[in-house]
Amino acid sequence: MPVVVVANPKGGVGKSTVATNVAGYFASRGHAVMLGDADRQQSSRLWLNLRPPGMRTIQSWDVGAGQVAKPPKGTTHVVLDTPAGLHGKELRELLKPASKVIVPLAPSVFDIFATRAFLDELAEYRKASGLQMGIVGTRVDQRTLAADQLQIFVKGLGLPVLGELRPTQNYVHLAARGLTLFDVAPGRVERDLEQWAPICRWLDN
C-alpha cells in the first residue's frame, strides 16, 4: 500500500497544500484514500471538514504524536501531513510506514537554510532504507532570483526535483472549499495540472 509522507521542519512551505492535492489526485484515480495529519495545527483535518458532500471520498486518519497506526481495512493509499520541527526519533517513526517522501521547499533563503539539516538527515535515511524521496518547489516564480537560488541549492542535494508549483490563488480558493486541482474542471486549472504532471507520474511509479 503506498504511503506518501509530506515533510519539512519549516512551517509555511506548503506541506498541507501538497498533501491535500496528493490525496485529491489519488482519489481522482479511484483509490480508497486516507489523509492523516500529524501536525498540531490540523490543517489537513480542517480541509477534510470543508470538503463538500458528493466529492470523491477521502477519509480522515487519526495520527497520534509521533505515532502512526495501521490504516483501516480497505484503504489502498495513504497520505500523511507532518508537523513543523520534525526531526530525529519522531521523524524516523513517521517514515517507517512510508513508501515515498515529498519535501515541499519554498525558494526563500530562510526556507532553504532552515531545511538543509533536515534534507541531510533524509539523505542518510534514504541511503540506509532505499526510500523514494523527492523535492517539490512551492510558490516558485521562475522570473525571480529566488527561483535561481532554489535551483542552485537542490542541485547539490542528490534528491530529485519532482516539480515546481507556481504562486497562484487557485490553491487558496480551492482549499477554502475543501477541494483540490483534481476536483474541478481541468480547463480551470490547466497550467497547474501541467506542473503536477511529473509529480503524478512519480507517485504512480
N, C-alpha and C. Protein backbone atom coordinates (compact mmCIF):
# COMPACT_ATOMS: atom_id res chain seq x y z
N MET A 1 0.84 -1.20 0.00
CA MET A 1 0.00 0.00 0.00
C MET A 1 0.88 1.25 0.00
N PRO A 2 0.72 2.14 -0.97
CA PRO A 2 1.52 3.37 -0.99
C PRO A 2 1.19 4.27 0.20
N VAL A 3 2.24 4.70 0.90
CA VAL A 3 2.11 5.68 1.98
C VAL A 3 3.04 6.84 1.65
N VAL A 4 2.46 7.99 1.36
CA VAL A 4 3.23 9.16 0.96
C VAL A 4 3.29 10.12 2.14
N VAL A 5 4.50 10.37 2.63
CA VAL A 5 4.72 11.31 3.74
C VAL A 5 5.18 12.65 3.16
N VAL A 6 4.51 13.71 3.57
CA VAL A 6 4.87 15.06 3.14
C VAL A 6 5.51 15.76 4.33
N ALA A 7 6.80 16.12 4.21
CA ALA A 7 7.53 16.56 5.39
C ALA A 7 8.51 17.68 5.08
N ASN A 8 8.59 18.61 6.02
CA ASN A 8 9.61 19.66 6.05
C ASN A 8 9.51 20.29 7.44
N PRO A 9 10.63 20.45 8.15
CA PRO A 9 10.54 21.01 9.50
C PRO A 9 10.19 22.49 9.53
N LYS A 10 10.28 23.16 8.39
CA LYS A 10 9.95 24.58 8.31
C LYS A 10 8.45 24.73 8.10
N GLY A 11 7.83 25.58 8.89
CA GLY A 11 6.41 25.85 8.71
C GLY A 11 6.18 26.79 7.54
N GLY A 12 4.98 26.74 6.98
CA GLY A 12 4.60 27.69 5.95
C GLY A 12 5.18 27.45 4.57
N VAL A 13 5.63 26.21 4.31
CA VAL A 13 6.23 25.93 3.00
C VAL A 13 5.25 25.24 2.05
N GLY A 14 4.04 24.95 2.52
CA GLY A 14 3.04 24.35 1.64
C GLY A 14 2.84 22.86 1.84
N LYS A 15 3.18 22.35 3.02
CA LYS A 15 3.01 20.90 3.26
C LYS A 15 1.56 20.48 3.10
N SER A 16 0.64 21.21 3.73
CA SER A 16 -0.77 20.82 3.67
C SER A 16 -1.33 20.96 2.27
N THR A 17 -0.89 21.99 1.54
CA THR A 17 -1.33 22.15 0.15
C THR A 17 -0.90 20.96 -0.69
N VAL A 18 0.36 20.55 -0.53
CA VAL A 18 0.85 19.40 -1.29
C VAL A 18 0.14 18.12 -0.84
N ALA A 19 0.00 17.93 0.47
CA ALA A 19 -0.61 16.70 0.98
C ALA A 19 -2.06 16.55 0.51
N THR A 20 -2.83 17.63 0.59
CA THR A 20 -4.24 17.53 0.19
C THR A 20 -4.36 17.29 -1.31
N ASN A 21 -3.49 17.88 -2.10
CA ASN A 21 -3.58 17.67 -3.55
C ASN A 21 -3.08 16.28 -3.95
N VAL A 22 -2.11 15.73 -3.23
CA VAL A 22 -1.72 14.35 -3.48
C VAL A 22 -2.90 13.42 -3.16
N ALA A 23 -3.57 13.67 -2.03
CA ALA A 23 -4.74 12.86 -1.68
C ALA A 23 -5.84 13.02 -2.73
N GLY A 24 -6.03 14.26 -3.20
CA GLY A 24 -7.03 14.50 -4.24
C GLY A 24 -6.70 13.79 -5.53
N TYR A 25 -5.42 13.74 -5.86
CA TYR A 25 -5.01 13.02 -7.08
C TYR A 25 -5.31 11.53 -6.95
N PHE A 26 -4.92 10.94 -5.83
CA PHE A 26 -5.19 9.51 -5.63
C PHE A 26 -6.69 9.23 -5.69
N ALA A 27 -7.48 10.08 -5.05
CA ALA A 27 -8.94 9.89 -5.07
C ALA A 27 -9.48 9.99 -6.49
N SER A 28 -8.92 10.89 -7.29
CA SER A 28 -9.39 11.06 -8.67
C SER A 28 -9.11 9.83 -9.52
N ARG A 29 -8.16 9.00 -9.07
CA ARG A 29 -7.83 7.76 -9.78
C ARG A 29 -8.65 6.58 -9.28
N GLY A 30 -9.59 6.87 -8.37
CA GLY A 30 -10.48 5.82 -7.90
C GLY A 30 -9.97 5.03 -6.72
N HIS A 31 -8.91 5.50 -6.06
CA HIS A 31 -8.34 4.78 -4.93
C HIS A 31 -9.08 5.10 -3.63
N ALA A 32 -8.99 4.19 -2.66
CA ALA A 32 -9.55 4.41 -1.33
C ALA A 32 -8.49 5.11 -0.49
N VAL A 33 -8.64 6.42 -0.31
CA VAL A 33 -7.57 7.26 0.21
C VAL A 33 -7.85 7.68 1.65
N MET A 34 -6.78 7.68 2.47
CA MET A 34 -6.85 8.25 3.80
C MET A 34 -5.82 9.35 3.91
N LEU A 35 -6.21 10.45 4.54
CA LEU A 35 -5.33 11.58 4.76
C LEU A 35 -5.10 11.74 6.25
N GLY A 36 -3.87 11.51 6.69
CA GLY A 36 -3.53 11.65 8.09
C GLY A 36 -2.87 12.99 8.36
N ASP A 37 -3.05 13.51 9.55
CA ASP A 37 -2.50 14.81 9.91
C ASP A 37 -1.81 14.71 11.27
N ALA A 38 -0.48 14.71 11.24
CA ALA A 38 0.29 14.65 12.49
C ALA A 38 0.67 16.03 12.99
N ASP A 39 0.21 17.07 12.31
CA ASP A 39 0.52 18.45 12.68
C ASP A 39 -0.46 18.94 13.74
N ARG A 40 0.05 19.65 14.75
CA ARG A 40 -0.83 20.18 15.81
C ARG A 40 -1.87 21.14 15.25
N GLN A 41 -1.53 21.85 14.17
CA GLN A 41 -2.47 22.81 13.60
C GLN A 41 -3.65 22.12 12.93
N GLN A 42 -3.47 20.83 12.55
CA GLN A 42 -4.55 20.03 11.96
C GLN A 42 -5.15 20.69 10.71
N SER A 43 -4.29 21.25 9.87
CA SER A 43 -4.77 21.92 8.66
C SER A 43 -5.44 20.95 7.70
N SER A 44 -4.87 19.76 7.54
CA SER A 44 -5.46 18.79 6.63
C SER A 44 -6.81 18.28 7.14
N ARG A 45 -6.92 18.12 8.46
CA ARG A 45 -8.21 17.70 9.02
C ARG A 45 -9.27 18.79 8.81
N LEU A 46 -8.87 20.04 9.02
CA LEU A 46 -9.79 21.15 8.74
C LEU A 46 -10.24 21.13 7.29
N TRP A 47 -9.30 20.91 6.39
CA TRP A 47 -9.63 20.86 4.97
C TRP A 47 -10.63 19.74 4.68
N LEU A 48 -10.44 18.58 5.29
CA LEU A 48 -11.37 17.48 5.10
C LEU A 48 -12.78 17.85 5.57
N ASN A 49 -12.86 18.60 6.66
CA ASN A 49 -14.17 19.01 7.18
C ASN A 49 -14.87 19.98 6.24
N LEU A 50 -14.10 20.66 5.39
CA LEU A 50 -14.67 21.61 4.43
C LEU A 50 -15.08 20.93 3.12
N ARG A 51 -14.69 19.69 2.95
CA ARG A 51 -14.93 19.01 1.67
C ARG A 51 -16.42 18.77 1.45
N PRO A 52 -16.92 19.19 0.27
CA PRO A 52 -18.37 19.11 0.03
C PRO A 52 -18.86 17.66 -0.11
N PRO A 53 -20.09 17.40 0.29
CA PRO A 53 -20.69 16.09 0.04
C PRO A 53 -20.74 15.83 -1.46
N GLY A 54 -20.56 14.59 -1.83
CA GLY A 54 -20.62 14.24 -3.24
C GLY A 54 -19.28 14.24 -3.93
N MET A 55 -18.25 14.81 -3.30
CA MET A 55 -16.91 14.75 -3.89
C MET A 55 -16.31 13.36 -3.64
N ARG A 56 -15.29 13.04 -4.39
CA ARG A 56 -14.61 11.77 -4.19
C ARG A 56 -14.16 11.68 -2.73
N THR A 57 -14.40 10.53 -2.12
CA THR A 57 -14.18 10.39 -0.69
C THR A 57 -12.70 10.31 -0.34
N ILE A 58 -12.32 11.09 0.66
CA ILE A 58 -11.00 10.99 1.28
C ILE A 58 -11.26 10.87 2.78
N GLN A 59 -10.87 9.75 3.36
CA GLN A 59 -11.14 9.51 4.76
C GLN A 59 -10.09 10.18 5.64
N SER A 60 -10.52 10.60 6.83
CA SER A 60 -9.59 11.14 7.82
C SER A 60 -8.92 9.99 8.57
N TRP A 61 -7.68 10.21 8.97
CA TRP A 61 -6.91 9.18 9.65
C TRP A 61 -6.31 9.77 10.91
N ASP A 62 -6.68 9.23 12.06
CA ASP A 62 -6.17 9.74 13.33
C ASP A 62 -4.72 9.31 13.53
N VAL A 63 -3.86 10.29 13.71
CA VAL A 63 -2.44 10.03 13.91
C VAL A 63 -2.03 10.66 15.23
N GLY A 64 -1.50 9.85 16.15
CA GLY A 64 -1.03 10.38 17.43
C GLY A 64 0.32 11.06 17.27
N ALA A 65 0.76 11.74 18.29
CA ALA A 65 2.03 12.45 18.25
C ALA A 65 3.18 11.47 18.04
N GLY A 66 3.78 11.55 16.85
CA GLY A 66 4.92 10.70 16.54
C GLY A 66 4.58 9.23 16.34
N GLN A 67 3.29 8.90 16.27
CA GLN A 67 2.90 7.51 16.12
C GLN A 67 1.94 7.38 14.94
N VAL A 68 2.13 6.32 14.18
CA VAL A 68 1.27 6.06 13.03
C VAL A 68 0.61 4.71 13.21
N ALA A 69 -0.70 4.73 13.33
CA ALA A 69 -1.44 3.48 13.48
C ALA A 69 -1.68 2.84 12.11
N LYS A 70 -2.01 1.57 12.13
CA LYS A 70 -2.30 0.88 10.88
C LYS A 70 -3.61 1.38 10.31
N PRO A 71 -3.64 1.74 9.01
CA PRO A 71 -4.90 2.23 8.41
C PRO A 71 -5.98 1.15 8.42
N PRO A 72 -7.23 1.56 8.45
CA PRO A 72 -8.33 0.59 8.45
C PRO A 72 -8.34 -0.27 7.18
N LYS A 73 -8.96 -1.41 7.29
CA LYS A 73 -9.08 -2.34 6.17
C LYS A 73 -9.81 -1.67 5.01
N GLY A 74 -9.34 -1.90 3.82
CA GLY A 74 -9.96 -1.33 2.62
C GLY A 74 -9.21 -0.12 2.09
N THR A 75 -8.37 0.47 2.91
CA THR A 75 -7.58 1.62 2.46
C THR A 75 -6.52 1.14 1.47
N THR A 76 -6.38 1.85 0.36
CA THR A 76 -5.37 1.46 -0.64
C THR A 76 -4.23 2.47 -0.73
N HIS A 77 -4.48 3.74 -0.36
CA HIS A 77 -3.46 4.78 -0.46
C HIS A 77 -3.55 5.69 0.76
N VAL A 78 -2.39 6.04 1.32
CA VAL A 78 -2.35 6.91 2.49
C VAL A 78 -1.44 8.10 2.22
N VAL A 79 -1.88 9.28 2.66
CA VAL A 79 -1.06 10.49 2.60
C VAL A 79 -0.97 11.03 4.02
N LEU A 80 0.25 11.38 4.43
CA LEU A 80 0.46 11.84 5.80
C LEU A 80 1.07 13.23 5.80
N ASP A 81 0.34 14.20 6.34
CA ASP A 81 0.83 15.56 6.53
C ASP A 81 1.54 15.61 7.89
N THR A 82 2.68 16.28 7.96
CA THR A 82 3.51 16.21 9.17
C THR A 82 3.75 17.60 9.75
N PRO A 83 4.18 17.67 11.01
CA PRO A 83 4.33 18.96 11.68
C PRO A 83 5.66 19.65 11.37
N ALA A 84 5.70 20.94 11.63
CA ALA A 84 6.95 21.68 11.61
C ALA A 84 7.84 21.18 12.76
N GLY A 85 9.14 21.35 12.60
CA GLY A 85 10.07 20.94 13.65
C GLY A 85 10.36 19.45 13.68
N LEU A 86 9.91 18.73 12.67
CA LEU A 86 10.06 17.28 12.65
C LEU A 86 11.53 16.87 12.44
N HIS A 87 12.05 16.01 13.33
CA HIS A 87 13.42 15.52 13.18
C HIS A 87 13.63 14.36 14.16
N GLY A 88 14.80 13.74 14.04
CA GLY A 88 15.20 12.72 15.00
C GLY A 88 14.25 11.53 15.08
N LYS A 89 13.98 11.09 16.31
CA LYS A 89 13.17 9.89 16.53
C LYS A 89 11.77 10.04 15.97
N GLU A 90 11.16 11.22 16.15
CA GLU A 90 9.80 11.43 15.65
C GLU A 90 9.76 11.30 14.13
N LEU A 91 10.76 11.86 13.46
CA LEU A 91 10.84 11.73 12.01
C LEU A 91 10.97 10.27 11.60
N ARG A 92 11.85 9.55 12.23
CA ARG A 92 12.06 8.14 11.87
C ARG A 92 10.80 7.30 12.08
N GLU A 93 10.05 7.60 13.15
CA GLU A 93 8.80 6.87 13.39
C GLU A 93 7.79 7.11 12.28
N LEU A 94 7.69 8.36 11.83
CA LEU A 94 6.73 8.69 10.77
C LEU A 94 7.18 8.16 9.42
N LEU A 95 8.49 7.93 9.26
CA LEU A 95 8.98 7.41 7.99
C LEU A 95 8.87 5.89 7.89
N LYS A 96 8.71 5.21 9.01
CA LYS A 96 8.70 3.75 8.99
C LYS A 96 7.70 3.16 8.01
N PRO A 97 6.45 3.66 7.98
CA PRO A 97 5.50 3.05 7.05
C PRO A 97 5.56 3.64 5.64
N ALA A 98 6.42 4.62 5.43
CA ALA A 98 6.40 5.39 4.17
C ALA A 98 6.95 4.58 3.01
N SER A 99 6.35 4.77 1.84
CA SER A 99 6.91 4.25 0.60
C SER A 99 7.53 5.38 -0.22
N LYS A 100 7.05 6.61 0.00
CA LYS A 100 7.60 7.78 -0.68
C LYS A 100 7.55 8.98 0.27
N VAL A 101 8.49 9.89 0.10
CA VAL A 101 8.51 11.13 0.87
C VAL A 101 8.62 12.30 -0.09
N ILE A 102 7.75 13.29 0.11
CA ILE A 102 7.82 14.54 -0.65
C ILE A 102 8.22 15.65 0.31
N VAL A 103 9.20 16.44 -0.09
CA VAL A 103 9.64 17.59 0.71
C VAL A 103 9.27 18.87 -0.04
N PRO A 104 8.22 19.57 0.40
CA PRO A 104 7.92 20.87 -0.20
C PRO A 104 8.98 21.88 0.23
N LEU A 105 9.46 22.68 -0.71
CA LEU A 105 10.54 23.62 -0.41
C LEU A 105 10.28 24.95 -1.10
N ALA A 106 10.11 26.00 -0.29
CA ALA A 106 9.89 27.34 -0.83
C ALA A 106 11.23 27.98 -1.18
N PRO A 107 11.25 28.89 -2.18
CA PRO A 107 12.52 29.42 -2.69
C PRO A 107 13.05 30.64 -1.96
N SER A 108 12.83 30.74 -0.66
CA SER A 108 13.43 31.85 0.08
C SER A 108 14.69 31.36 0.77
N VAL A 109 15.63 32.27 0.97
CA VAL A 109 16.89 31.88 1.60
C VAL A 109 16.66 31.34 3.01
N PHE A 110 15.65 31.85 3.71
CA PHE A 110 15.34 31.38 5.06
C PHE A 110 14.84 29.94 5.04
N ASP A 111 13.96 29.64 4.09
CA ASP A 111 13.42 28.28 3.98
C ASP A 111 14.52 27.30 3.58
N ILE A 112 15.37 27.73 2.66
CA ILE A 112 16.43 26.86 2.18
C ILE A 112 17.38 26.48 3.31
N PHE A 113 17.85 27.47 4.06
CA PHE A 113 18.81 27.19 5.13
C PHE A 113 18.15 26.43 6.28
N ALA A 114 16.87 26.71 6.55
CA ALA A 114 16.17 26.01 7.63
C ALA A 114 15.96 24.54 7.30
N THR A 115 15.98 24.20 6.02
CA THR A 115 15.69 22.84 5.59
C THR A 115 16.94 22.02 5.36
N ARG A 116 18.10 22.65 5.30
CA ARG A 116 19.32 21.94 4.89
C ARG A 116 19.65 20.75 5.78
N ALA A 117 19.65 20.94 7.10
CA ALA A 117 19.99 19.85 8.00
C ALA A 117 18.98 18.70 7.89
N PHE A 118 17.71 19.06 7.70
CA PHE A 118 16.66 18.06 7.54
C PHE A 118 16.90 17.23 6.29
N LEU A 119 17.25 17.89 5.19
CA LEU A 119 17.50 17.17 3.95
C LEU A 119 18.72 16.25 4.07
N ASP A 120 19.73 16.71 4.80
CA ASP A 120 20.88 15.85 5.05
C ASP A 120 20.47 14.61 5.85
N GLU A 121 19.59 14.82 6.84
CA GLU A 121 19.09 13.69 7.65
C GLU A 121 18.30 12.72 6.77
N LEU A 122 17.48 13.26 5.87
CA LEU A 122 16.71 12.42 4.96
C LEU A 122 17.62 11.65 4.02
N ALA A 123 18.68 12.32 3.54
CA ALA A 123 19.60 11.66 2.62
C ALA A 123 20.27 10.46 3.28
N GLU A 124 20.62 10.60 4.55
CA GLU A 124 21.21 9.48 5.27
C GLU A 124 20.20 8.34 5.43
N TYR A 125 18.97 8.69 5.75
CA TYR A 125 17.92 7.68 5.89
C TYR A 125 17.68 6.98 4.56
N ARG A 126 17.72 7.76 3.48
CA ARG A 126 17.49 7.20 2.14
C ARG A 126 18.57 6.17 1.79
N LYS A 127 19.82 6.48 2.14
CA LYS A 127 20.92 5.54 1.86
C LYS A 127 20.69 4.21 2.56
N ALA A 128 20.21 4.27 3.79
CA ALA A 128 20.03 3.06 4.59
C ALA A 128 18.78 2.28 4.20
N SER A 129 17.73 2.99 3.77
CA SER A 129 16.43 2.35 3.56
C SER A 129 16.04 2.18 2.10
N GLY A 130 16.62 2.98 1.21
CA GLY A 130 16.21 2.95 -0.19
C GLY A 130 14.87 3.63 -0.43
N LEU A 131 14.38 4.35 0.57
CA LEU A 131 13.09 5.04 0.45
C LEU A 131 13.13 6.07 -0.67
N GLN A 132 12.07 6.11 -1.47
CA GLN A 132 11.99 7.09 -2.56
C GLN A 132 11.65 8.47 -1.99
N MET A 133 12.43 9.48 -2.38
CA MET A 133 12.22 10.84 -1.89
C MET A 133 12.37 11.83 -3.03
N GLY A 134 11.64 12.92 -2.94
CA GLY A 134 11.76 13.97 -3.94
C GLY A 134 11.35 15.32 -3.38
N ILE A 135 11.83 16.37 -4.03
CA ILE A 135 11.54 17.75 -3.62
C ILE A 135 10.52 18.35 -4.57
N VAL A 136 9.58 19.09 -4.00
CA VAL A 136 8.64 19.89 -4.80
C VAL A 136 8.82 21.35 -4.43
N GLY A 137 9.24 22.15 -5.38
CA GLY A 137 9.34 23.59 -5.15
C GLY A 137 7.95 24.19 -5.05
N THR A 138 7.72 25.02 -4.03
CA THR A 138 6.40 25.64 -3.85
C THR A 138 6.52 27.15 -3.96
N ARG A 139 5.47 27.76 -4.51
CA ARG A 139 5.43 29.22 -4.71
C ARG A 139 6.66 29.70 -5.48
N VAL A 140 6.98 28.97 -6.54
CA VAL A 140 8.16 29.28 -7.34
C VAL A 140 7.77 30.15 -8.53
N ASP A 141 8.28 31.38 -8.55
CA ASP A 141 8.12 32.28 -9.68
C ASP A 141 9.42 32.24 -10.48
N GLN A 142 9.36 31.66 -11.68
CA GLN A 142 10.56 31.43 -12.47
C GLN A 142 11.29 32.72 -12.84
N ARG A 143 10.61 33.86 -12.71
CA ARG A 143 11.22 35.14 -13.12
C ARG A 143 12.09 35.75 -12.02
N THR A 144 12.16 35.10 -10.86
CA THR A 144 12.82 35.72 -9.71
C THR A 144 14.20 35.12 -9.43
N LEU A 145 15.01 35.90 -8.73
CA LEU A 145 16.31 35.43 -8.28
C LEU A 145 16.16 34.28 -7.29
N ALA A 146 15.10 34.31 -6.49
CA ALA A 146 14.88 33.24 -5.50
C ALA A 146 14.73 31.88 -6.20
N ALA A 147 14.08 31.87 -7.35
CA ALA A 147 13.93 30.61 -8.09
C ALA A 147 15.28 30.09 -8.54
N ASP A 148 16.16 30.99 -8.96
CA ASP A 148 17.51 30.59 -9.36
C ASP A 148 18.28 30.02 -8.17
N GLN A 149 18.13 30.67 -7.00
CA GLN A 149 18.81 30.20 -5.80
C GLN A 149 18.34 28.80 -5.41
N LEU A 150 17.04 28.55 -5.58
CA LEU A 150 16.49 27.23 -5.26
C LEU A 150 17.10 26.18 -6.17
N GLN A 151 17.23 26.48 -7.46
CA GLN A 151 17.81 25.53 -8.40
C GLN A 151 19.25 25.20 -8.03
N ILE A 152 20.02 26.22 -7.67
CA ILE A 152 21.42 26.02 -7.29
C ILE A 152 21.51 25.15 -6.03
N PHE A 153 20.61 25.42 -5.08
CA PHE A 153 20.63 24.68 -3.82
C PHE A 153 20.33 23.20 -4.02
N VAL A 154 19.29 22.89 -4.79
CA VAL A 154 18.85 21.50 -4.91
C VAL A 154 19.80 20.66 -5.76
N LYS A 155 20.58 21.29 -6.61
CA LYS A 155 21.50 20.53 -7.46
C LYS A 155 22.50 19.75 -6.64
N GLY A 156 22.88 20.26 -5.48
CA GLY A 156 23.89 19.59 -4.67
C GLY A 156 23.33 18.61 -3.65
N LEU A 157 22.04 18.35 -3.68
CA LEU A 157 21.43 17.52 -2.63
C LEU A 157 21.39 16.04 -2.95
N GLY A 158 21.42 15.69 -4.21
CA GLY A 158 21.29 14.28 -4.57
C GLY A 158 19.87 13.76 -4.48
N LEU A 159 18.90 14.67 -4.35
CA LEU A 159 17.49 14.30 -4.34
C LEU A 159 16.82 14.85 -5.59
N PRO A 160 15.94 14.09 -6.22
CA PRO A 160 15.29 14.59 -7.43
C PRO A 160 14.30 15.71 -7.14
N VAL A 161 14.21 16.64 -8.06
CA VAL A 161 13.18 17.68 -8.00
C VAL A 161 12.01 17.19 -8.85
N LEU A 162 10.90 16.92 -8.19
CA LEU A 162 9.75 16.33 -8.88
C LEU A 162 8.98 17.35 -9.70
N GLY A 163 9.00 18.60 -9.25
CA GLY A 163 8.27 19.65 -9.95
C GLY A 163 8.35 20.95 -9.18
N GLU A 164 7.88 22.00 -9.81
CA GLU A 164 7.82 23.32 -9.18
C GLU A 164 6.43 23.90 -9.38
N LEU A 165 5.83 24.37 -8.29
CA LEU A 165 4.47 24.87 -8.31
C LEU A 165 4.48 26.39 -8.22
N ARG A 166 3.74 27.02 -9.09
CA ARG A 166 3.73 28.48 -9.14
C ARG A 166 2.92 29.08 -7.98
N PRO A 167 3.19 30.34 -7.64
CA PRO A 167 2.36 31.01 -6.63
C PRO A 167 1.05 31.46 -7.27
N THR A 168 -0.04 30.79 -6.95
CA THR A 168 -1.34 31.11 -7.53
C THR A 168 -2.43 31.03 -6.47
N GLN A 169 -3.44 31.86 -6.63
CA GLN A 169 -4.58 31.83 -5.71
C GLN A 169 -5.47 30.62 -5.92
N ASN A 170 -5.23 29.85 -6.98
CA ASN A 170 -6.03 28.65 -7.20
C ASN A 170 -5.98 27.73 -5.98
N TYR A 171 -4.80 27.55 -5.42
CA TYR A 171 -4.67 26.67 -4.26
C TYR A 171 -5.43 27.22 -3.06
N VAL A 172 -5.37 28.52 -2.87
CA VAL A 172 -6.04 29.17 -1.74
C VAL A 172 -7.55 29.03 -1.87
N HIS A 173 -8.08 29.35 -3.04
CA HIS A 173 -9.53 29.31 -3.24
C HIS A 173 -10.07 27.88 -3.16
N LEU A 174 -9.34 26.93 -3.73
CA LEU A 174 -9.81 25.54 -3.69
C LEU A 174 -9.74 24.98 -2.26
N ALA A 175 -8.66 25.27 -1.55
CA ALA A 175 -8.52 24.76 -0.18
C ALA A 175 -9.63 25.27 0.72
N ALA A 176 -10.05 26.51 0.50
CA ALA A 176 -11.10 27.10 1.33
C ALA A 176 -12.44 26.38 1.15
N ARG A 177 -12.55 25.58 0.08
CA ARG A 177 -13.79 24.83 -0.19
C ARG A 177 -13.58 23.33 -0.04
N GLY A 178 -12.43 22.92 0.49
CA GLY A 178 -12.16 21.50 0.67
C GLY A 178 -11.91 20.78 -0.63
N LEU A 179 -11.37 21.49 -1.62
CA LEU A 179 -11.17 20.92 -2.95
C LEU A 179 -9.69 20.92 -3.33
N THR A 180 -9.38 20.18 -4.40
CA THR A 180 -8.03 20.15 -4.96
C THR A 180 -8.11 20.45 -6.45
N LEU A 181 -6.95 20.56 -7.07
CA LEU A 181 -6.90 20.76 -8.53
C LEU A 181 -7.62 19.65 -9.27
N PHE A 182 -7.68 18.47 -8.66
CA PHE A 182 -8.21 17.29 -9.34
C PHE A 182 -9.72 17.12 -9.14
N ASP A 183 -10.33 18.10 -8.47
CA ASP A 183 -11.77 18.05 -8.21
C ASP A 183 -12.56 18.98 -9.12
N VAL A 184 -11.89 19.80 -9.91
CA VAL A 184 -12.58 20.80 -10.72
C VAL A 184 -12.28 20.56 -12.20
N ALA A 185 -13.02 21.26 -13.06
CA ALA A 185 -12.82 21.11 -14.50
C ALA A 185 -11.38 21.42 -14.87
N PRO A 186 -10.71 20.53 -15.61
CA PRO A 186 -9.29 20.73 -15.92
C PRO A 186 -8.99 22.07 -16.58
N GLY A 187 -9.92 22.58 -17.37
CA GLY A 187 -9.69 23.84 -18.05
C GLY A 187 -9.51 25.01 -17.10
N ARG A 188 -10.05 24.89 -15.90
CA ARG A 188 -9.93 25.98 -14.91
C ARG A 188 -8.53 26.06 -14.31
N VAL A 189 -7.84 24.93 -14.29
CA VAL A 189 -6.53 24.87 -13.61
C VAL A 189 -5.49 24.20 -14.51
N GLU A 190 -5.62 24.44 -15.80
CA GLU A 190 -4.79 23.73 -16.77
C GLU A 190 -3.30 23.90 -16.52
N ARG A 191 -2.88 25.14 -16.27
CA ARG A 191 -1.46 25.41 -16.07
C ARG A 191 -0.93 24.69 -14.83
N ASP A 192 -1.75 24.65 -13.78
CA ASP A 192 -1.31 23.99 -12.55
C ASP A 192 -1.26 22.48 -12.72
N LEU A 193 -2.21 21.92 -13.45
CA LEU A 193 -2.18 20.48 -13.71
C LEU A 193 -0.95 20.08 -14.51
N GLU A 194 -0.52 20.96 -15.41
CA GLU A 194 0.71 20.70 -16.16
C GLU A 194 1.91 20.61 -15.22
N GLN A 195 1.93 21.48 -14.20
CA GLN A 195 3.03 21.44 -13.25
C GLN A 195 2.98 20.18 -12.37
N TRP A 196 1.78 19.69 -12.15
CA TRP A 196 1.63 18.48 -11.32
C TRP A 196 1.89 17.19 -12.11
N ALA A 197 1.89 17.25 -13.42
CA ALA A 197 2.01 16.02 -14.22
C ALA A 197 3.24 15.19 -13.87
N PRO A 198 4.45 15.78 -13.77
CA PRO A 198 5.61 14.94 -13.41
C PRO A 198 5.55 14.41 -11.98
N ILE A 199 4.92 15.18 -11.08
CA ILE A 199 4.75 14.71 -9.70
C ILE A 199 3.83 13.49 -9.69
N CYS A 200 2.75 13.56 -10.44
CA CYS A 200 1.80 12.45 -10.50
C CYS A 200 2.44 11.21 -11.11
N ARG A 201 3.27 11.40 -12.13
CA ARG A 201 3.96 10.24 -12.72
C ARG A 201 4.86 9.57 -11.69
N TRP A 202 5.53 10.38 -10.87
CA TRP A 202 6.39 9.83 -9.83
C TRP A 202 5.57 9.10 -8.77
N LEU A 203 4.42 9.65 -8.42
CA LEU A 203 3.54 8.99 -7.44
C LEU A 203 3.05 7.64 -7.97
N ASP A 204 2.81 7.56 -9.26
CA ASP A 204 2.28 6.32 -9.85
C ASP A 204 3.36 5.28 -10.11
N ASN A 205 4.61 5.71 -10.12
CA ASN A 205 5.71 4.79 -10.49
C ASN A 205 6.00 3.83 -9.34
